[in-house]
Protein backbone atom coordinates (compact mmCIF):
# COMPACT_ATOMS: atom_id res chain seq x y z
CA MET A 1 168.89 7.25 57.59
CA ASP A 2 166.72 8.46 60.29
CA THR A 3 162.50 7.85 59.56
CA GLY A 4 161.73 11.52 61.25
CA LYS A 5 164.32 12.80 58.67
CA THR A 6 163.04 10.92 55.69
CA LEU A 7 159.05 12.32 56.71
CA LEU A 8 161.02 15.62 56.91
CA THR A 9 162.13 15.32 53.37
CA PHE A 10 159.49 14.41 51.79
CA LEU A 11 156.84 16.75 53.61
CA ALA A 12 159.82 19.50 52.01
CA GLY A 13 159.81 17.90 48.51
CA ALA A 14 156.44 18.17 48.84
CA ALA A 15 156.05 21.47 50.12
CA VAL A 16 158.39 22.95 46.98
CA GLY A 17 156.66 20.81 44.43
CA ALA A 18 153.12 21.83 45.54
CA VAL A 19 154.25 25.78 45.73
CA THR A 20 156.13 25.11 42.45
CA ALA A 21 152.51 24.04 40.98
CA LEU A 22 150.79 26.39 42.13
CA LEU A 23 153.47 28.87 40.44
CA LEU A 24 152.77 27.94 37.11
CA ALA A 25 149.15 26.57 37.02
CA PRO A 26 147.24 29.42 34.87
CA GLU A 27 145.01 31.37 37.15
CA SER A 28 145.44 34.93 38.06
CA GLY A 29 148.03 36.22 40.67
CA GLU A 30 145.73 37.15 43.18
CA LYS A 31 143.77 33.58 43.20
CA THR A 32 147.20 32.17 43.29
CA ARG A 33 148.76 34.09 45.98
CA ASP A 34 145.17 32.70 47.74
CA ARG A 35 145.76 29.09 47.21
CA ILE A 36 149.06 29.42 48.78
CA ARG A 37 148.47 31.06 51.53
CA ALA A 38 145.79 28.55 52.30
CA LYS A 39 148.14 25.62 51.73
CA ALA A 40 151.27 27.29 54.01
CA ALA A 41 148.19 27.15 56.67
CA ASP A 42 146.83 23.95 55.97
CA ALA A 43 150.89 22.94 56.22
CA ALA A 44 151.27 24.75 59.93
CA GLY A 45 148.57 23.36 61.39
CA MET A 46 149.97 20.16 59.69
CA ALA A 47 153.55 20.57 61.37
CA LYS A 48 151.72 22.26 64.87
CA GLU A 49 149.98 18.85 65.45
CA LYS A 50 152.94 17.15 64.84
CA ILE A 51 154.77 18.80 66.49
CA LEU A 52 152.46 18.64 69.95
CA GLU A 53 152.43 14.95 69.51
CA GLY A 54 156.31 14.76 69.33
CA LEU A 55 156.48 16.41 72.45
CA ASP A 56 153.63 14.23 74.21
CA SER A 57 155.42 11.29 72.47
CA LEU A 58 158.78 12.52 74.24
CA GLU A 59 156.91 13.54 77.59
CA GLU A 60 155.38 10.20 77.78
CA ALA A 61 158.70 8.01 77.54
CA LEU A 62 160.77 10.55 79.74
CA GLU A 63 158.24 9.27 82.60
CA GLU A 64 158.52 6.18 81.82
CA LYS A 65 162.15 5.98 82.97
């Protein structure tokens, strides 16, 4: 299996697990929603960084050819 697909699958599973844990946590709905928003923003930021890194790598690889 492709390393990128494996990593993406792992991250997706981790995200589902994290959201499930937050939803089942004994906190108020407002606190839980705030935590989900914060985690989603963190995940989006990390995804954006990884995409930009991938684009940079692709650009470098294309320049070498």
